[in-house]
PDB file of N, CA and C in Angstrom:
ATOM      1  N   MET A   1      -3.052   2.434  -8.661  1.00  0.00           N
ATOM      2  CA  MET A   1      -2.260   0.974  -8.616  1.00  0.00           C
ATOM      3  C   MET A   1      -2.775   1.046  -7.006  1.00  0.00           C
ATOM      4  N   LEU A   2      -3.545   0.180  -6.226  1.00  0.00           N
ATOM      5  CA  LEU A   2      -3.932  -0.057  -5.276  1.00  0.00           C
ATOM      6  C   LEU A   2      -2.617  -0.984  -4.708  1.00  0.00           C
ATOM      7  N   LEU A   3      -1.944  -1.302  -3.737  1.00  0.00           N
ATOM      8  CA  LEU A   3      -0.786  -2.423  -3.240  1.00  0.00           C
ATOM      9  C   LEU A   3      -1.823  -3.102  -3.045  1.00  0.00           C
ATOM     10  N   PRO A   4      -0.890  -4.749  -2.600  1.00  0.00           N
ATOM     11  CA  PRO A   4      -1.890  -5.688  -2.276  1.00  0.00           C
ATOM     12  C   PRO A   4      -2.558  -6.100  -0.976  1.00  0.00           C
ATOM     13  N   ALA A   5      -1.780  -5.516  -0.076  1.00  0.00           N
ATOM     14  CA  ALA A   5      -2.588  -5.071   2.074  1.00  0.00           C
ATOM     15  C   ALA A   5      -3.672  -4.015   2.097  1.00  0.00           C
ATOM     16  N   GLU A   6      -3.757  -3.036   0.151  1.00  0.00           N
ATOM     17  CA  GLU A   6      -5.110  -2.812  -0.143  1.00  0.00           C
ATOM     18  C   GLU A   6      -6.095  -3.311  -0.594  1.00  0.00           C
ATOM     19  N   ILE A   7      -5.472  -4.160  -1.064  1.00  0.00           N
ATOM     20  CA  ILE A   7      -7.034  -4.729  -1.983  1.00  0.00           C
ATOM     21  C   ILE A   7      -7.627  -5.764  -1.154  1.00  0.00           C
ATOM     22  N   GLU A   8      -6.493  -6.289  -0.047  1.00  0.00           N
ATOM     23  CA  GLU A   8      -6.412  -7.361   0.548  1.00  0.00           C
ATOM     24  C   GLU A   8      -8.037  -6.925   1.626  1.00  0.00           C
ATOM     25  N   SER A   9      -7.694  -4.960   2.047  1.00  0.00           N
ATOM     26  CA  SER A   9      -8.339  -4.000   3.448  1.00  0.00           C
ATOM     27  C   SER A   9      -9.520  -3.852   2.305  1.00  0.00           C
ATOM     28  N   LYS A  10      -9.594  -3.863   1.611  1.00  0.00           N
ATOM     29  CA  LYS A  10     -11.005  -2.747   0.630  1.00  0.00           C
ATOM     30  C   LYS A  10     -11.576  -4.213   0.312  1.00  0.00           C
ATOM     31  N   THR A  11     -11.048  -5.326  -0.351  1.00  0.00           N
ATOM     32  CA  THR A  11     -12.009  -6.040  -1.094  1.00  0.00           C
ATOM     33  C   THR A  11     -11.766  -7.253  -0.236  1.00  0.00           C
ATOM     34  N   LEU A  12     -11.310  -7.970  -0.234  1.00  0.00           N
ATOM     35  CA  LEU A  12     -11.597 -10.187   0.170  1.00  0.00           C
ATOM     36  C   LEU A  12     -11.907  -9.804   1.327  1.00  0.00           C
ATOM     37  N   ILE A  13     -10.903  -8.879   2.777  1.00  0.00           N
ATOM     38  CA  ILE A  13     -11.683  -9.418   3.731  1.00  0.00           C
ATOM     39  C   ILE A  13     -13.193  -9.071   4.428  1.00  0.00           C
ATOM     40  N   PRO A  14     -13.581  -7.676   3.637  1.00  0.00           N
ATOM     41  CA  PRO A  14     -15.480  -8.035   3.416  1.00  0.00           C
ATOM     42  C   PRO A  14     -16.167  -8.851   3.188  1.00  0.00           C
ATOM     43  N   ALA A  15     -15.311  -9.176   1.664  1.00  0.00           N
ATOM     44  CA  ALA A  15     -16.029 -10.438   0.975  1.00  0.00           C
ATOM     45  C   ALA A  15     -16.343 -11.570   2.074  1.00  0.00           C
ATOM     46  N   LEU A  16     -15.011 -12.065   2.782  1.00  0.00           N
ATOM     47  CA  LEU A  16     -14.392 -13.469   3.602  1.00  0.00           C
ATOM     48  C   LEU A  16     -15.880 -13.167   4.485  1.00  0.00           C
ATOM     49  N   ARG A  17     -16.008 -11.398   5.198  1.00  0.00           N
ATOM     50  CA  ARG A  17     -16.452 -11.109   6.524  1.00  0.00           C
ATOM     51  C   ARG A  17     -17.840 -11.698   6.133  1.00  0.00           C
ATOM     52  N   ALA A  18     -18.262 -11.539   4.598  1.00  0.00           N
ATOM     53  CA  ALA A  18     -19.626 -11.554   4.674  1.00  0.00           C
ATOM     54  C   ALA A  18     -20.379 -12.717   4.192  1.00  0.00           C
ATOM     55  N   ILE A  19     -19.432 -13.974   3.783  1.00  0.00           N
ATOM     56  CA  ILE A  19     -19.181 -14.647   3.563  1.00  0.00           C
ATOM     57  C   ILE A  19     -19.703 -16.169   4.910  1.00  0.00           C
ATOM     58  N   LEU A  20     -18.996 -15.505   5.658  1.00  0.00           N
ATOM     59  CA  LEU A  20     -19.052 -15.889   6.905  1.00  0.00           C
ATOM     60  C   LEU A  20     -20.027 -15.187   8.082  1.00  0.00           C
ATOM     61  N   ALA A  21     -20.427 -13.804   8.003  1.00  0.00           N
ATOM     62  CA  ALA A  21     -21.789 -13.427   8.622  1.00  0.00           C
ATOM     63  C   ALA A  21     -22.761 -14.359   7.945  1.00  0.00           C
ATOM     64  N   LYS A  22     -23.251 -14.615   6.919  1.00  0.00           N
ATOM     65  CA  LYS A  22     -23.924 -15.282   5.644  1.00  0.00           C
ATOM     66  C   LYS A  22     -24.068 -16.354   6.233  1.00  0.00           C
ATOM     67  N   ASN A  23     -23.045 -16.978   6.512  1.00  0.00           N
ATOM     68  CA  ASN A  23     -23.085 -18.317   7.348  1.00  0.00           C
ATOM     69  C   ASN A  23     -23.416 -18.729   8.522  1.00  0.00           C
ATOM     70  N   LEU A  24     -22.648 -17.799   9.668  1.00  0.00           N
ATOM     71  CA  LEU A  24     -23.160 -18.032  11.225  1.00  0.00           C
ATOM     72  C   LEU A  24     -24.432 -17.860  10.953  1.00  0.00           C
ATOM     73  N   ALA A  25     -25.408 -16.797  10.544  1.00  0.00           N
ATOM     74  CA  ALA A  25     -26.707 -16.322  10.636  1.00  0.00           C
ATOM     75  C   ALA A  25     -27.295 -17.473   9.705  1.00  0.00           C
ATOM     76  N   GLU A  26     -27.780 -17.986   8.836  1.00  0.00           N
ATOM     77  CA  GLU A  26     -28.257 -18.780   8.348  1.00  0.00           C
ATOM     78  C   GLU A  26     -28.865 -20.412   8.588  1.00  0.00           C
ATOM     79  N   ASN A  27     -27.192 -20.950   9.016  1.00  0.00           N
ATOM     80  CA  ASN A  27     -26.918 -21.871   9.291  1.00  0.00           C
ATOM     81  C   ASN A  27     -26.335 -22.658  10.684  1.00  0.00           C
ATOM     82  N   HIS A  28     -26.361 -21.734  11.204  1.00  0.00           N
ATOM     83  CA  HIS A  28     -25.660 -21.367  13.075  1.00  0.00           C
ATOM     84  C   HIS A  28     -26.582 -20.797  13.640  1.00  0.00           C
ATOM     85  N   ASN A  29     -28.010 -20.076  13.465  1.00  0.00           N
ATOM     86  CA  ASN A  29     -28.489 -18.847  14.022  1.00  0.00           C
ATOM     87  C   ASN A  29     -27.862 -18.523  14.934  1.00  0.00           C
ATOM     88  N   VAL A  30     -27.507 -17.130  14.279  1.00  0.00           N
ATOM     89  CA  VAL A  30     -26.220 -16.599  15.276  1.00  0.00           C
ATOM     90  C   VAL A  30     -27.421 -15.396  15.074  1.00  0.00           C
ATOM     91  N   ARG A  31     -27.262 -14.736  16.191  1.00  0.00           N
ATOM     92  CA  ARG A  31     -28.064 -13.530  16.247  1.00  0.00           C
ATOM     93  C   ARG A  31     -26.877 -12.103  15.640  1.00  0.00           C
ATOM     94  N   GLU A  32     -27.458 -10.655  14.747  1.00  0.00           N
ATOM     95  CA  GLU A  32     -26.711 -10.255  14.339  1.00  0.00           C
ATOM     96  C   GLU A  32     -25.754  -9.259  14.989  1.00  0.00           C
ATOM     97  N   ASP A  33     -26.215  -9.433  16.275  1.00  0.00           N
ATOM     98  CA  ASP A  33     -25.514  -8.717  17.696  1.00  0.00           C
ATOM     99  C   ASP A  33     -24.406  -9.567  18.181  1.00  0.00           C
ATOM    100  N   GLU A  34     -24.730 -10.860  17.671  1.00  0.00           N
ATOM    101  CA  GLU A  34     -23.669 -11.396  18.365  1.00  0.00           C
ATOM    102  C   GLU A  34     -22.130 -11.845  17.110  1.00  0.00           C
ATOM    103  N   ILE A  35     -22.934 -11.381  16.077  1.00  0.00           N
ATOM    104  CA  ILE A  35     -21.929 -12.151  14.526  1.00  0.00           C
ATOM    105  C   ILE A  35     -20.646 -11.014  14.923  1.00  0.00           C
ATOM    106  N   SER A  36     -21.492  -9.428  15.292  1.00  0.00           N
ATOM    107  CA  SER A  36     -20.756  -8.114  15.345  1.00  0.00           C
ATOM    108  C   SER A  36     -19.982  -8.035  15.826  1.00  0.00           C
ATOM    109  N   LYS A  37     -20.211  -9.096  16.802  1.00  0.00           N
ATOM    110  CA  LYS A  37     -19.104  -8.772  19.046  1.00  0.00           C
ATOM    111  C   LYS A  37     -17.822  -9.686  17.671  1.00  0.00           C
ATOM    112  N   MET A  38     -18.122 -10.894  16.996  1.00  0.00           N
ATOM    113  CA  MET A  38     -17.587 -11.956  17.072  1.00  0.00           C
ATOM    114  C   MET A  38     -16.276 -11.383  15.787  1.00  0.00           C
ATOM    115  N   LEU A  39     -16.752 -10.406  14.539  1.00  0.00           N
ATOM    116  CA  LEU A  39     -15.822  -9.385  13.853  1.00  0.00           C
ATOM    117  C   LEU A  39     -15.519  -8.561  13.943  1.00  0.00           C
ATOM    118  N   GLY A  40     -16.075  -8.282  15.189  1.00  0.00           N
ATOM    119  CA  GLY A  40     -15.434  -6.929  15.004  1.00  0.00           C
ATOM    120  C   GLY A  40     -16.144  -5.384  14.244  1.00  0.00           C
ATOM    121  N   VAL A  41     -16.848  -5.309  14.367  1.00  0.00           N
ATOM    122  CA  VAL A  41     -17.363  -4.584  12.886  1.00  0.00           C
ATOM    123  C   VAL A  41     -19.121  -4.122  14.375  1.00  0.00           C
ATOM    124  N   THR A  42     -20.088  -3.580  13.302  1.00  0.00           N
ATOM    125  CA  THR A  42     -20.733  -3.519  13.533  1.00  0.00           C
ATOM    126  C   THR A  42     -22.469  -4.070  13.934  1.00  0.00           C
ATOM    127  N   GLN A  43     -23.264  -3.934  13.890  1.00  0.00           N
ATOM    128  CA  GLN A  43     -24.127  -4.991  13.936  1.00  0.00           C
ATOM    129  C   GLN A  43     -25.130  -4.457  11.992  1.00  0.00           C
ATOM    130  N   ALA A  44     -24.986  -2.294  12.162  1.00  0.00           N
ATOM    131  CA  ALA A  44     -25.127  -2.708  11.065  1.00  0.00           C
ATOM    132  C   ALA A  44     -24.372  -2.822   9.741  1.00  0.00           C
ATOM    133  N   ALA A  45     -23.470  -3.089  10.003  1.00  0.00           N
ATOM    134  CA  ALA A  45     -22.157  -3.725   8.533  1.00  0.00           C
ATOM    135  C   ALA A  45     -23.116  -5.113   8.591  1.00  0.00           C
ATOM    136  N   ILE A  46     -23.311  -5.981   9.718  1.00  0.00           N
ATOM    137  CA  ILE A  46     -23.514  -7.487   9.642  1.00  0.00           C
ATOM    138  C   ILE A  46     -24.652  -7.467   8.802  1.00  0.00           C
ATOM    139  N   THR A  47     -25.907  -6.682   9.459  1.00  0.00           N
ATOM    140  CA  THR A  47     -27.213  -6.771   8.316  1.00  0.00           C
ATOM    141  C   THR A  47     -26.611  -6.644   7.198  1.00  0.00           C
ATOM    142  N   ASN A  48     -26.264  -5.686   6.454  1.00  0.00           N
ATOM    143  CA  ASN A  48     -25.560  -5.153   5.727  1.00  0.00           C
ATOM    144  C   ASN A  48     -24.948  -6.540   4.290  1.00  0.00           C
ATOM    145  N   TYR A  49     -24.184  -6.973   4.794  1.00  0.00           N
ATOM    146  CA  TYR A  49     -23.732  -8.123   4.755  1.00  0.00           C
ATOM    147  C   TYR A  49     -24.430  -8.842   4.321  1.00  0.00           C
ATOM    148  N   ILE A  50     -25.092  -9.563   5.843  1.00  0.00           N
ATOM    149  CA  ILE A  50     -26.262 -10.864   5.164  1.00  0.00           C
ATOM    150  C   ILE A  50     -27.159 -10.542   4.049  1.00  0.00           C
ATOM    151  N   ARG A  51     -27.770  -9.029   3.538  1.00  0.00           N
ATOM    152  CA  ARG A  51     -28.411  -8.935   2.992  1.00  0.00           C
ATOM    153  C   ARG A  51     -28.069  -8.519   1.651  1.00  0.00           C
ATOM    154  N   GLY A  52     -26.744  -8.413   1.225  1.00  0.00           N
ATOM    155  CA  GLY A  52     -25.972  -8.449   0.114  1.00  0.00           C
ATOM    156  C   GLY A  52     -25.691  -7.047  -0.059  1.00  0.00           C
ATOM    157  N   THR A  53     -25.979  -6.267   0.248  1.00  0.00           N
ATOM    158  CA  THR A  53     -26.002  -4.249   0.136  1.00  0.00           C
ATOM    159  C   THR A  53     -24.578  -4.163   0.815  1.00  0.00           C
ATOM    160  N   ARG A  54     -23.694  -4.718   1.233  1.00  0.00           N
ATOM    161  CA  ARG A  54     -21.606  -4.349   1.754  1.00  0.00           C
ATOM    162  C   ARG A  54     -21.215  -5.031   0.648  1.00  0.00           C
ATOM    163  N   ARG A  55     -21.016  -5.107  -0.044  1.00  0.00           N
ATOM    164  CA  ARG A  55     -19.981  -6.598  -0.132  1.00  0.00           C
ATOM    165  C   ARG A  55     -19.763  -6.435  -2.326  1.00  0.00           C
ATOM    166  N   ASP A  56     -18.783  -7.227  -2.460  1.00  0.00           N
ATOM    167  CA  ASP A  56     -18.616  -7.688  -4.339  1.00  0.00           C
ATOM    168  C   ASP A  56     -19.553  -8.414  -4.789  1.00  0.00           C
ATOM    169  N   PRO A  57     -20.631  -8.425  -5.036  1.00  0.00           N
ATOM    170  CA  PRO A  57     -20.613  -9.786  -5.337  1.00  0.00           C
ATOM    171  C   PRO A  57     -20.363 -11.168  -5.966  1.00  0.00           C
ATOM    172  N   GLU A  58     -19.172 -10.384  -7.309  1.00  0.00           N
ATOM    173  CA  GLU A  58     -18.586 -10.934  -7.938  1.00  0.00           C
ATOM    174  C   GLU A  58     -17.741 -11.942  -7.457  1.00  0.00           C
ATOM    175  N   LEU A  59     -17.041 -11.020  -6.083  1.00  0.00           N
ATOM    176  CA  LEU A  59     -15.775 -11.628  -5.730  1.00  0.00           C
ATOM    177  C   LEU A  59     -16.323 -12.946  -4.911  1.00  0.00           C
ATOM    178  N   ILE A  60     -17.813 -12.450  -4.286  1.00  0.00           N
ATOM    179  CA  ILE A  60     -18.487 -13.274  -3.382  1.00  0.00           C
ATOM    180  C   ILE A  60     -18.701 -14.711  -4.220  1.00  0.00           C
ATOM    181  N   LYS A  61     -19.047 -14.430  -5.397  1.00  0.00           N
ATOM    182  CA  LYS A  61     -19.420 -15.810  -6.437  1.00  0.00           C
ATOM    183  C   LYS A  61     -18.125 -16.468  -6.433  1.00  0.00           C
ATOM    184  N   LYS A  62     -16.867 -15.881  -6.705  1.00  0.00           N
ATOM    185  CA  LYS A  62     -16.052 -16.623  -7.187  1.00  0.00           C
ATOM    186  C   LYS A  62     -15.306 -17.249  -5.274  1.00  0.00           C
ATOM    187  N   LEU A  63     -15.591 -16.419  -4.848  1.00  0.00           N
ATOM    188  CA  LEU A  63     -15.009 -17.322  -3.651  1.00  0.00           C
ATOM    189  C   LEU A  63     -15.779 -18.114  -2.670  1.00  0.00           C
ATOM    190  N   THR A  64     -17.272 -18.071  -2.914  1.00  0.00           N
ATOM    191  CA  THR A  64     -17.678 -19.082  -2.365  1.00  0.00           C
ATOM    192  C   THR A  64     -17.802 -20.687  -2.455  1.00  0.00           C
ATOM    193  N   PRO A  65     -16.888 -20.679  -4.206  1.00  0.00           N
ATOM    194  CA  PRO A  65     -16.746 -22.365  -3.881  1.00  0.00           C
ATOM    195  C   PRO A  65     -15.774 -23.118  -3.948  1.00  0.00           C
ATOM    196  N   GLU A  66     -14.892 -21.387  -3.713  1.00  0.00           N
ATOM    197  CA  GLU A  66     -13.277 -22.232  -3.453  1.00  0.00           C
ATOM    198  C   GLU A  66     -12.990 -22.882  -2.155  1.00  0.00           C
ATOM    199  N   LYS A  67     -12.438 -24.155  -2.636  1.00  0.00           N
ATOM    200  CA  LYS A  67     -12.672 -24.949  -0.797  1.00  0.00           C
ATOM    201  C   LYS A  67     -11.588 -24.559  -0.573  1.00  0.00           C
ATOM    202  N   GLN A  68     -10.479 -23.248  -0.568  1.00  0.00           N
ATOM    203  CA  GLN A  68      -9.997 -22.715   1.118  1.00  0.00           C
ATOM    204  C   GLN A  68     -11.114 -21.975   1.632  1.00  0.00           C
ATOM    205  N   VAL A  69     -12.211 -21.398   1.132  1.00  0.00           N
ATOM    206  CA  VAL A  69     -12.778 -20.594   1.490  1.00  0.00           C
ATOM    207  C   VAL A  69     -13.682 -21.420   2.820  1.00  0.00           C
ATOM    208  N   SER A  70     -14.236 -22.750   2.058  1.00  0.00           N
ATOM    209  CA  SER A  70     -15.111 -23.292   2.765  1.00  0.00           C
ATOM    210  C   SER A  70     -14.832 -23.982   3.578  1.00  0.00           C
ATOM    211  N   GLU A  71     -13.193 -24.412   3.789  1.00  0.00           N
ATOM    212  CA  GLU A  71     -12.271 -25.354   4.579  1.00  0.00           C
ATOM    213  C   GLU A  71     -12.251 -24.027   5.283  1.00  0.00           C
ATOM    214  N   MET A  72     -12.064 -22.997   5.337  1.00  0.00           N
ATOM    215  CA  MET A  72     -11.984 -21.811   6.510  1.00  0.00           C
ATOM    216  C   MET A  72     -13.494 -21.329   6.992  1.00  0.00           C
ATOM    217  N   ILE A  73     -13.887 -21.967   6.438  1.00  0.00           N
ATOM    218  CA  ILE A  73     -15.366 -21.146   6.718  1.00  0.00           C
ATOM    219  C   ILE A  73     -15.977 -21.826   7.846  1.00  0.00           C
ATOM    220  N   ASN A  74     -15.980 -23.213   7.224  1.00  0.00           N
ATOM    221  CA  ASN A  74     -16.051 -24.144   8.349  1.00  0.00           C
ATOM    222  C   ASN A  74     -15.321 -25.188   9.338  1.00  0.00           C
ATOM    223  N   GLU A  75     -14.153 -24.318   9.301  1.00  0.00           N
ATOM    224  CA  GLU A  75     -13.383 -24.659  10.801  1.00  0.00           C
ATOM    225  C   GLU A  75     -13.490 -23.630  11.653  1.00  0.00           C
ATOM    226  N   ILE A  76     -14.166 -22.187  11.083  1.00  0.00           N
ATOM    227  CA  ILE A  76     -14.546 -20.658  12.140  1.00  0.00           C
ATOM    228  C   ILE A  76     -15.552 -21.978  12.897  1.00  0.00           C
ATOM    229  N   THR A  77     -16.869 -22.191  12.101  1.00  0.00           N
ATOM    230  CA  THR A  77     -17.696 -22.312  12.732  1.00  0.00           C
ATOM    231  C   THR A  77     -18.418 -23.704  13.203  1.00  0.00           C
ATOM    232  N   SER A  78     -17.034 -24.571  13.260  1.00  0.00           N
ATOM    233  CA  SER A  78     -16.734 -25.745  13.827  1.00  0.00           C
ATOM    234  C   SER A  78     -17.193 -25.836  15.161  1.00  0.00           C
ATOM    235  N   GLU A  79     -16.427 -24.428  15.611  1.00  0.00           N
ATOM    236  CA  GLU A  79     -15.722 -24.257  17.716  1.00  0.00           C
ATOM    237  C   GLU A  79     -16.643 -23.944  17.643  1.00  0.00           C
ATOM    238  N   LEU A  80     -18.344 -23.351  16.943  1.00  0.00           N
ATOM    239  CA  LEU A  80     -19.803 -23.024  17.837  1.00  0.00           C
ATOM    240  C   LEU A  80     -20.178 -23.847  18.787  1.00  0.00           C
ATOM    241  N   PRO A  81     -20.866 -24.290  19.629  1.00  0.00           N
ATOM    242  CA  PRO A  81     -21.809 -24.545  20.446  1.00  0.00           C
ATOM    243  C   PRO A  81     -23.370 -25.271  19.827  1.00  0.00           C
ATOM    244  N   SER A  82     -23.841 -26.599  19.760  1.00  0.00           N
ATOM    245  CA  SER A  82     -24.873 -27.327  18.203  1.00  0.00           C
ATOM    246  C   SER A  82     -25.929 -26.284  19.046  1.00  0.00           C
TER     247      SER A  82
END
């Protein structure tokens, strides 16, 4: 049985990174190398997040429409220059 912290680090955090990375790339035209620096992961990880090969698709489907998640993503990306 996984502890709550293990669940967060192995599933929730990568799913949130994937949502944020995809949002930054598609809606804000941020390059993958810049996203990788922002999130503290490799550029290869960002590529996989955006392609959908490094994430839990079911969890992403559940998280994306959640109001708290969308507000968090909007808050993070609102600080970016246009």
